[in-house]
C-alpha cells in the first residue's frame, strides 16, 4: 500500500543518513521502525466492564432493616432482581 507522509526536514535528513550508514533504503528503515513501534506497545489489558447494578449500594435504613432480619421469611425479591440484572 502506498501512502504519503510529511516528514520534517531535519528528521528526514537524519533518517536518510542512518539508512545510508546501514546500507539500506529509507523505506526499509521506516518499515523497521514502524514494526518495532507496533510490536513494542501491545494494547493494555482492559478491565472487565462492571455494570451499574454491581456497584450500587442500599439505602442505610433499608440495609439496617435487612441486616436486622426484618425481611426474612420468604424469597428476597431484591436478590432475585439483582441476580437477574447481573446476568445481563
PDB file of N, CA and C in Angstrom:
ATOM      1  N   UNK A   1       0.847  -1.175   0.000  1.00  0.00           N
ATOM      2  CA  UNK A   1       0.000   0.000   0.000  1.00  0.00           C
ATOM      3  C   UNK A   1       0.893   1.238   0.000  1.00  0.00           C
ATOM      4  N   UNK A   2       0.496   2.208  -0.766  1.00  0.00           N
ATOM      5  CA  UNK A   2       1.259   3.455  -0.828  1.00  0.00           C
ATOM      6  C   UNK A   2       0.593   4.492   0.075  1.00  0.00           C
ATOM      7  N   UNK A   3       1.432   5.335   0.643  1.00  0.00           N
ATOM      8  CA  UNK A   3       0.919   6.446   1.440  1.00  0.00           C
ATOM      9  C   UNK A   3       1.899   7.607   1.343  1.00  0.00           C
ATOM     10  N   UNK A   4       1.464   8.764   1.730  1.00  0.00           N
ATOM     11  CA  UNK A   4       2.305   9.958   1.711  1.00  0.00           C
ATOM     12  C   UNK A   4       2.444  10.466   3.136  1.00  0.00           C
ATOM     13  N   UNK A   5       3.665  10.765   3.529  1.00  0.00           N
ATOM     14  CA  UNK A   5       3.934  11.309   4.858  1.00  0.00           C
ATOM     15  C   UNK A   5       4.634  12.645   4.731  1.00  0.00           C
ATOM     16  N   UNK A   6       4.307  13.554   5.616  1.00  0.00           N
ATOM     17  CA  UNK A   6       5.031  14.814   5.708  1.00  0.00           C
ATOM     18  C   UNK A   6       6.022  14.676   6.858  1.00  0.00           C
ATOM     19  N   UNK A   7       7.302  14.559   6.501  1.00  0.00           N
ATOM     20  CA  UNK A   7       8.362  14.392   7.493  1.00  0.00           C
ATOM     21  C   UNK A   7       9.143  15.694   7.572  1.00  0.00           C
ATOM     22  N   UNK A   8       9.313  16.230   8.792  1.00  0.00           N
ATOM     23  CA  UNK A   8      10.102  17.454   8.924  1.00  0.00           C
ATOM     24  C   UNK A   8      11.509  17.247   8.350  1.00  0.00           C
ATOM     25  N   UNK A   9      12.027  18.278   7.723  1.00  0.00           N
ATOM     26  CA  UNK A   9      13.313  18.205   7.022  1.00  0.00           C
ATOM     27  C   UNK A   9      14.447  17.665   7.896  1.00  0.00           C
ATOM     28  N   UNK A  10      14.638  18.159   9.133  1.00  0.00           N
ATOM     29  CA  UNK A  10      15.743  17.633   9.953  1.00  0.00           C
ATOM     30  C   UNK A  10      15.594  16.127  10.236  1.00  0.00           C
ATOM     31  N   UNK A  11      14.381  15.686  10.488  1.00  0.00           N
ATOM     32  CA  UNK A  11      14.145  14.272  10.759  1.00  0.00           C
ATOM     33  C   UNK A  11      14.386  13.434   9.505  1.00  0.00           C
ATOM     34  N   UNK A  12      13.967  13.947   8.362  1.00  0.00           N
ATOM     35  CA  UNK A  12      14.188  13.249   7.094  1.00  0.00           C
ATOM     36  C   UNK A  12      15.683  13.070   6.839  1.00  0.00           C
ATOM     37  N   UNK A  13      16.459  14.129   7.088  1.00  0.00           N
ATOM     38  CA  UNK A  13      17.905  14.053   6.852  1.00  0.00           C
ATOM     39  C   UNK A  13      18.550  13.023   7.773  1.00  0.00           C
ATOM     40  N   UNK A  14      18.142  13.020   9.047  1.00  0.00           N
ATOM     41  CA  UNK A  14      18.692  12.046   9.999  1.00  0.00           C
ATOM     42  C   UNK A  14      18.358  10.619   9.553  1.00  0.00           C
ATOM     43  N   UNK A  15      17.122  10.406   9.146  1.00  0.00           N
ATOM     44  CA  UNK A  15      16.691   9.073   8.714  1.00  0.00           C
ATOM     45  C   UNK A  15      17.445   8.641   7.460  1.00  0.00           C
ATOM     46  N   UNK A  16      17.603   9.555   6.518  1.00  0.00           N
ATOM     47  CA  UNK A  16      18.301   9.233   5.268  1.00  0.00           C
ATOM     48  C   UNK A  16      19.767   8.881   5.549  1.00  0.00           C
ATOM     49  N   UNK A  17      20.409   9.647   6.418  1.00  0.00           N
ATOM     50  CA  UNK A  17      21.803   9.367   6.782  1.00  0.00           C
ATOM     51  C   UNK A  17      21.906   7.996   7.462  1.00  0.00           C
ATOM     52  N   UNK A  18      20.992   7.698   8.381  1.00  0.00           N
ATOM     53  CA  UNK A  18      21.008   6.408   9.069  1.00  0.00           C
ATOM     54  C   UNK A  18      20.844   5.258   8.085  1.00  0.00           C
ATOM     55  N   UNK A  19      19.927   5.419   7.131  1.00  0.00           N
ATOM     56  CA  UNK A  19      19.700   4.375   6.125  1.00  0.00           C
ATOM     57  C   UNK A  19      20.962   4.135   5.298  1.00  0.00           C
ATOM     58  N   UNK A  20      21.624   5.212   4.899  1.00  0.00           N
ATOM     59  CA  UNK A  20      22.856   5.077   4.104  1.00  0.00           C
ATOM     60  C   UNK A  20      23.947   4.403   4.939  1.00  0.00           C
ATOM     61  N   UNK A  21      24.080   4.786   6.201  1.00  0.00           N
ATOM     62  CA  UNK A  21      25.078   4.180   7.083  1.00  0.00           C
ATOM     63  C   UNK A  21      24.851   2.681   7.247  1.00  0.00           C
ATOM     64  N   UNK A  22      23.593   2.279   7.270  1.00  0.00           N
ATOM     65  CA  UNK A  22      23.261   0.859   7.433  1.00  0.00           C
ATOM     66  C   UNK A  22      23.272   0.107   6.108  1.00  0.00           C
ATOM     67  N   UNK A  23      23.360   0.831   5.019  1.00  0.00           N
ATOM     68  CA  UNK A  23      23.338   0.196   3.717  1.00  0.00           C
ATOM     69  C   UNK A  23      21.951  -0.265   3.311  1.00  0.00           C
ATOM     70  N   UNK A  24      20.943   0.437   3.791  1.00  0.00           N
ATOM     71  CA  UNK A  24      19.564   0.089   3.436  1.00  0.00           C
ATOM     72  C   UNK A  24      18.871   1.308   2.844  1.00  0.00           C
ATOM     73  N   UNK A  25      17.623   1.149   2.542  1.00  0.00           N
ATOM     74  CA  UNK A  25      16.859   2.263   1.981  1.00  0.00           C
ATOM     75  C   UNK A  25      16.072   2.956   3.085  1.00  0.00           C
ATOM     76  N   UNK A  26      15.629   4.151   2.781  1.00  0.00           N
ATOM     77  CA  UNK A  26      14.797   4.894   3.721  1.00  0.00           C
ATOM     78  C   UNK A  26      13.503   4.129   3.989  1.00  0.00           C
ATOM     79  N   UNK A  27      12.967   3.515   2.944  1.00  0.00           N
ATOM     80  CA  UNK A  27      11.740   2.730   3.098  1.00  0.00           C
ATOM     81  C   UNK A  27      11.950   1.598   4.105  1.00  0.00           C
ATOM     82  N   UNK A  28      13.054   0.867   3.978  1.00  0.00           N
ATOM     83  CA  UNK A  28      13.336  -0.235   4.899  1.00  0.00           C
ATOM     84  C   UNK A  28      13.488   0.263   6.336  1.00  0.00           C
ATOM     85  N   UNK A  29      14.174   1.391   6.487  1.00  0.00           N
ATOM     86  CA  UNK A  29      14.358   1.969   7.817  1.00  0.00           C
ATOM     87  C   UNK A  29      13.018   2.326   8.439  1.00  0.00           C
ATOM     88  N   UNK A  30      12.160   2.968   7.672  1.00  0.00           N
ATOM     89  CA  UNK A  30      10.851   3.367   8.189  1.00  0.00           C
ATOM     90  C   UNK A  30       9.975   2.159   8.518  1.00  0.00           C
ATOM     91  N   UNK A  31      10.019   1.138   7.672  1.00  0.00           N
ATOM     92  CA  UNK A  31       9.227  -0.070   7.942  1.00  0.00           C
ATOM     93  C   UNK A  31       9.707  -0.784   9.205  1.00  0.00           C
ATOM     94  N   UNK A  32      11.031  -0.867   9.390  1.00  0.00           N
ATOM     95  CA  UNK A  32      11.562  -1.487  10.610  1.00  0.00           C
ATOM     96  C   UNK A  32      11.144  -0.687  11.842  1.00  0.00           C
ATOM     97  N   UNK A  33      11.221   0.628  11.740  1.00  0.00           N
ATOM     98  CA  UNK A  33      10.824   1.473  12.864  1.00  0.00           C
ATOM     99  C   UNK A  33       9.342   1.319  13.200  1.00  0.00           C
ATOM    100  N   UNK A  34       8.524   1.233  12.178  1.00  0.00           N
ATOM    101  CA  UNK A  34       7.084   1.061  12.392  1.00  0.00           C
ATOM    102  C   UNK A  34       6.792  -0.306  13.011  1.00  0.00           C
ATOM    103  N   UNK A  35       7.453  -1.346  12.511  1.00  0.00           N
ATOM    104  CA  UNK A  35       7.271  -2.681  13.083  1.00  0.00           C
ATOM    105  C   UNK A  35       7.718  -2.720  14.533  1.00  0.00           C
ATOM    106  N   UNK A  36       8.835  -2.090  14.825  1.00  0.00           N
ATOM    107  CA  UNK A  36       9.340  -2.042  16.198  1.00  0.00           C
ATOM    108  C   UNK A  36       8.352  -1.327  17.113  1.00  0.00           C
ATOM    109  N   UNK A  37       7.834  -0.215  16.661  1.00  0.00           N
ATOM    110  CA  UNK A  37       6.896   0.572  17.461  1.00  0.00           C
ATOM    111  C   UNK A  37       5.611  -0.214  17.736  1.00  0.00           C
ATOM    112  N   UNK A  38       5.107  -0.891  16.744  1.00  0.00           N
ATOM    113  CA  UNK A  38       3.858  -1.636  16.913  1.00  0.00           C
ATOM    114  C   UNK A  38       4.051  -2.893  17.762  1.00  0.00           C
ATOM    115  N   UNK A  39       5.199  -3.551  17.632  1.00  0.00           N
ATOM    116  CA  UNK A  39       5.466  -4.762  18.401  1.00  0.00           C
ATOM    117  C   UNK A  39       5.717  -4.433  19.861  1.00  0.00           C
ATOM    118  N   UNK A  40       6.325  -3.304  20.118  1.00  0.00           N
ATOM    119  CA  UNK A  40       6.708  -2.936  21.473  1.00  0.00           C
ATOM    120  C   UNK A  40       5.509  -2.563  22.330  1.00  0.00           C
ATOM    121  N   UNK A  41       4.520  -1.982  21.740  1.00  0.00           N
ATOM    122  CA  UNK A  41       3.391  -1.470  22.505  1.00  0.00           C
ATOM    123  C   UNK A  41       2.145  -2.308  22.237  1.00  0.00           C
ATOM    124  N   UNK A  42       2.030  -3.387  22.985  1.00  0.00           N
ATOM    125  CA  UNK A  42       0.824  -4.189  22.854  1.00  0.00           C
ATOM    126  C   UNK A  42      -0.290  -3.484  23.622  1.00  0.00           C
ATOM    127  N   UNK A  43      -1.525  -3.674  23.206  1.00  0.00           N
ATOM    128  CA  UNK A  43      -2.619  -2.983  23.883  1.00  0.00           C
ATOM    129  C   UNK A  43      -2.708  -3.372  25.352  1.00  0.00           C
ATOM    130  N   UNK A  44      -2.956  -2.399  26.173  1.00  0.00           N
ATOM    131  CA  UNK A  44      -3.084  -2.644  27.606  1.00  0.00           C
ATOM    132  C   UNK A  44      -4.335  -3.470  27.869  1.00  0.00           C
ATOM    133  N   UNK A  45      -4.246  -4.417  28.793  1.00  0.00           N
ATOM    134  CA  UNK A  45      -5.438  -5.211  29.093  1.00  0.00           C
ATOM    135  C   UNK A  45      -6.522  -4.316  29.679  1.00  0.00           C
ATOM    136  N   UNK A  46      -7.713  -4.536  29.218  1.00  0.00           N
ATOM    137  CA  UNK A  46      -8.827  -3.724  29.708  1.00  0.00           C
ATOM    138  C   UNK A  46      -9.507  -4.436  30.868  1.00  0.00           C
ATOM    139  N   UNK A  47      -9.891  -3.663  31.827  1.00  0.00           N
ATOM    140  CA  UNK A  47     -10.602  -4.228  32.968  1.00  0.00           C
ATOM    141  C   UNK A  47     -12.009  -4.616  32.530  1.00  0.00           C
ATOM    142  N   UNK A  48     -12.516  -5.706  33.067  1.00  0.00           N
ATOM    143  CA  UNK A  48     -13.876  -6.085  32.688  1.00  0.00           C
ATOM    144  C   UNK A  48     -14.860  -4.998  33.093  1.00  0.00           C
ATOM    145  N   UNK A  49     -15.812  -4.760  32.237  1.00  0.00           N
ATOM    146  CA  UNK A  49     -16.796  -3.716  32.498  1.00  0.00           C
ATOM    147  C   UNK A  49     -17.733  -4.173  33.612  1.00  0.00           C
ATOM    148  N   UNK A  50     -17.874  -3.333  34.606  1.00  0.00           N
ATOM    149  CA  UNK A  50     -18.752  -3.636  35.730  1.00  0.00           C
ATOM    150  C   UNK A  50     -20.025  -2.831  35.549  1.00  0.00           C
ATOM    151  N   UNK A  51     -21.140  -3.517  35.671  1.00  0.00           N
ATOM    152  CA  UNK A  51     -22.421  -2.843  35.463  1.00  0.00           C
ATOM    153  C   UNK A  51     -22.721  -1.873  36.602  1.00  0.00           C
ATOM    154  N   UNK A  52     -23.610  -0.973  36.323  1.00  0.00           N
ATOM    155  CA  UNK A  52     -24.062  -0.017  37.334  1.00  0.00           C
ATOM    156  C   UNK A  52     -24.620  -0.759  38.535  1.00  0.00           C
ATOM    157  N   UNK A  53     -25.358  -1.825  38.262  1.00  0.00           N
ATOM    158  CA  UNK A  53     -26.053  -2.541  39.328  1.00  0.00           C
ATOM    159  C   UNK A  53     -25.087  -3.262  40.253  1.00  0.00           C
ATOM    160  N   UNK A  54     -23.944  -3.650  39.760  1.00  0.00           N
ATOM    161  CA  UNK A  54     -22.969  -4.333  40.607  1.00  0.00           C
ATOM    162  C   UNK A  54     -22.334  -3.370  41.609  1.00  0.00           C
ATOM    163  N   UNK A  55     -22.344  -2.083  41.316  1.00  0.00           N
ATOM    164  CA  UNK A  55     -21.733  -1.078  42.199  1.00  0.00           C
ATOM    165  C   UNK A  55     -22.732  -0.341  43.081  1.00  0.00           C
ATOM    166  N   UNK A  56     -23.991  -0.667  42.963  1.00  0.00           N
ATOM    167  CA  UNK A  56     -24.997   0.087  43.720  1.00  0.00           C
ATOM    168  C   UNK A  56     -24.907  -0.223  45.216  1.00  0.00           C
ATOM    169  N   UNK A  57     -25.417   0.685  46.010  1.00  0.00           N
ATOM    170  CA  UNK A  57     -25.449   0.496  47.456  1.00  0.00           C
ATOM    171  C   UNK A  57     -26.876   0.669  47.944  1.00  0.00           C
ATOM    172  N   UNK A  58     -27.196  -0.047  49.011  1.00  0.00           N
ATOM    173  CA  UNK A  58     -28.534   0.065  49.588  1.00  0.00           C
ATOM    174  C   UNK A  58     -28.620   1.336  50.419  1.00  0.00           C
ATOM    175  N   UNK A  59     -29.830   1.844  50.540  1.00  0.00           N
ATOM    176  CA  UNK A  59     -30.033   2.998  51.432  1.00  0.00           C
ATOM    177  C   UNK A  59     -29.785   2.534  52.866  1.00  0.00           C
ATOM    178  N   UNK A  60     -29.198   3.398  53.689  1.00  0.00           N
ATOM    179  CA  UNK A  60     -28.817   2.978  55.053  1.00  0.00           C
ATOM    180  C   UNK A  60     -29.968   2.383  55.863  1.00  0.00           C
ATOM    181  N   UNK A  61     -31.150   2.977  55.797  1.00  0.00           N
ATOM    182  CA  UNK A  61     -32.292   2.464  56.559  1.00  0.00           C
ATOM    183  C   UNK A  61     -32.703   1.075  56.105  1.00  0.00           C
ATOM    184  N   UNK A  62     -32.727   0.867  54.801  1.00  0.00           N
ATOM    185  CA  UNK A  62     -33.107  -0.432  54.256  1.00  0.00           C
ATOM    186  C   UNK A  62     -32.049  -1.472  54.586  1.00  0.00           C
ATOM    187  N   UNK A  63     -30.784  -1.083  54.471  1.00  0.00           N
ATOM    188  CA  UNK A  63     -29.702  -2.008  54.773  1.00  0.00           C
ATOM    189  C   UNK A  63     -29.730  -2.435  56.232  1.00  0.00           C
ATOM    190  N   UNK A  64     -29.997  -1.485  57.146  1.00  0.00           N
ATOM    191  CA  UNK A  64     -30.075  -1.808  58.577  1.00  0.00           C
ATOM    192  C   UNK A  64     -31.235  -2.754  58.846  1.00  0.00           C
ATOM    193  N   UNK A  65     -32.390  -2.498  58.218  1.00  0.00           N
ATOM    194  CA  UNK A  65     -33.549  -3.375  58.402  1.00  0.00           C
ATOM    195  C   UNK A  65     -33.276  -4.759  57.829  1.00  0.00           C
ATOM    196  N   UNK A  66     -32.604  -4.818  56.708  1.00  0.00           N
ATOM    197  CA  UNK A  66     -32.269  -6.102  56.089  1.00  0.00           C
ATOM    198  C   UNK A  66     -31.338  -6.911  56.989  1.00  0.00           C
ATOM    199  N   UNK A  67     -30.325  -6.245  57.563  1.00  0.00           N
ATOM    200  CA  UNK A  67     -29.390  -6.926  58.453  1.00  0.00           C
ATOM    201  C   UNK A  67     -30.069  -7.362  59.744  1.00  0.00           C
ATOM    202  N   UNK A  68     -31.074  -6.612  60.180  1.00  0.00           N
ATOM    203  CA  UNK A  68     -31.791  -6.952  61.409  1.00  0.00           C
ATOM    204  C   UNK A  68     -32.772  -8.102  61.194  1.00  0.00           C
ATOM    205  N   UNK A  69     -32.966  -8.500  59.948  1.00  0.00           N
ATOM    206  CA  UNK A  69     -33.846  -9.626  59.664  1.00  0.00           C
ATOM    207  C   UNK A  69     -35.293  -9.236  59.448  1.00  0.00           C
ATOM    208  N   UNK A  70     -35.573  -7.962  59.210  1.00  0.00           N
ATOM    209  CA  UNK A  70     -36.946  -7.502  59.046  1.00  0.00           C
ATOM    210  C   UNK A  70     -37.616  -8.090  57.815  1.00  0.00           C
ATOM    211  N   UNK A  71     -36.859  -8.527  56.868  1.00  0.00           N
ATOM    212  CA  UNK A  71     -37.438  -9.015  55.618  1.00  0.00           C
ATOM    213  C   UNK A  71     -37.279 -10.527  55.455  1.00  0.00           C
ATOM    214  N   UNK A  72     -37.014 -11.220  56.561  1.00  0.00           N
ATOM    215  CA  UNK A  72     -36.815 -12.661  56.467  1.00  0.00           C
ATOM    216  C   UNK A  72     -38.156 -13.388  56.362  1.00  0.00           C
ATOM    217  N   UNK A  73     -38.074 -14.631  55.945  1.00  0.00           N
ATOM    218  CA  UNK A  73     -39.301 -15.423  55.872  1.00  0.00           C
ATOM    219  C   UNK A  73     -39.859 -15.494  54.468  1.00  0.00           C
ATOM    220  N   UNK A  74     -39.043 -15.485  53.480  1.00  0.00           N
ATOM    221  CA  UNK A  74     -39.521 -15.596  52.112  1.00  0.00           C
ATOM    222  C   UNK A  74     -38.392 -15.322  51.140  1.00  0.00           C
ATOM    223  N   UNK A  75     -38.731 -15.342  49.877  1.00  0.00           N
ATOM    224  CA  UNK A  75     -37.738 -15.063  48.858  1.00  0.00           C
ATOM    225  C   UNK A  75     -37.505 -13.566  48.804  1.00  0.00           C
ATOM    226  N   UNK A  76     -36.242 -13.188  48.836  1.00  0.00           N
ATOM    227  CA  UNK A  76     -35.892 -11.768  48.784  1.00  0.00           C
ATOM    228  C   UNK A  76     -35.932 -11.302  47.332  1.00  0.00           C
ATOM    229  N   UNK A  77     -36.931 -10.518  47.012  1.00  0.00           N
ATOM    230  CA  UNK A  77     -37.098 -10.072  45.629  1.00  0.00           C
ATOM    231  C   UNK A  77     -35.927  -9.203  45.169  1.00  0.00           C
ATOM    232  N   UNK A  78     -35.310  -8.458  46.071  1.00  0.00           N
ATOM    233  CA  UNK A  78     -34.173  -7.640  45.663  1.00  0.00           C
ATOM    234  C   UNK A  78     -33.011  -8.517  45.224  1.00  0.00           C
ATOM    235  N   UNK A  79     -32.859  -9.663  45.866  1.00  0.00           N
ATOM    236  CA  UNK A  79     -31.791 -10.584  45.481  1.00  0.00           C
ATOM    237  C   UNK A  79     -32.074 -11.174  44.103  1.00  0.00           C
ATOM    238  N   UNK A  80     -33.315 -11.542  43.865  1.00  0.00           N
ATOM    239  CA  UNK A  80     -33.697 -12.084  42.564  1.00  0.00           C
ATOM    240  C   UNK A  80     -33.460 -11.053  41.468  1.00  0.00           C
ATOM    241  N   UNK A  81     -33.880  -9.821  41.698  1.00  0.00           N
ATOM    242  CA  UNK A  81     -33.704  -8.750  40.724  1.00  0.00           C
ATOM    243  C   UNK A  81     -32.214  -8.484  40.490  1.00  0.00           C
ATOM    244  N   UNK A  82     -31.449  -8.461  41.576  1.00  0.00           N
ATOM    245  CA  UNK A  82     -30.004  -8.208  41.454  1.00  0.00           C
ATOM    246  C   UNK A  82     -29.325  -9.295  40.631  1.00  0.00           C
ATOM    247  N   UNK A  83     -29.664 -10.542  40.908  1.00  0.00           N
ATOM    248  CA  UNK A  83     -29.055 -11.634  40.146  1.00  0.00           C
ATOM    249  C   UNK A  83     -29.434 -11.535  38.661  1.00  0.00           C
ATOM    250  N   UNK A  84     -30.690 -11.195  38.405  1.00  0.00           N
ATOM    251  CA  UNK A  84     -31.134 -11.075  37.009  1.00  0.00           C
ATOM    252  C   UNK A  84     -30.389  -9.942  36.310  1.00  0.00           C
ATOM    253  N   UNK A  85     -30.237  -8.816  36.975  1.00  0.00           N
ATOM    254  CA  UNK A  85     -29.543  -7.677  36.364  1.00  0.00           C
ATOM    255  C   UNK A  85     -28.065  -7.969  36.154  1.00  0.00           C
ATOM    256  N   UNK A  86     -27.450  -8.680  37.109  1.00  0.00           N
ATOM    257  CA  UNK A  86     -26.031  -9.005  36.982  1.00  0.00           C
ATOM    258  C   UNK A  86     -25.766  -9.950  35.819  1.00  0.00           C
ATOM    259  N   UNK A  87     -26.737 -10.787  35.489  1.00  0.00           N
ATOM    260  CA  UNK A  87     -26.589 -11.719  34.358  1.00  0.00           C
ATOM    261  C   UNK A  87     -26.634 -11.005  33.028  1.00  0.00           C
ATOM    262  N   UNK A  88     -27.224  -9.836  32.973  1.00  0.00           N
ATOM    263  CA  UNK A  88     -27.356  -9.109  31.697  1.00  0.00           C
ATOM    264  C   UNK A  88     -26.103  -8.460  31.279  1.00  0.00           C
TER     265      UNK A  88
END
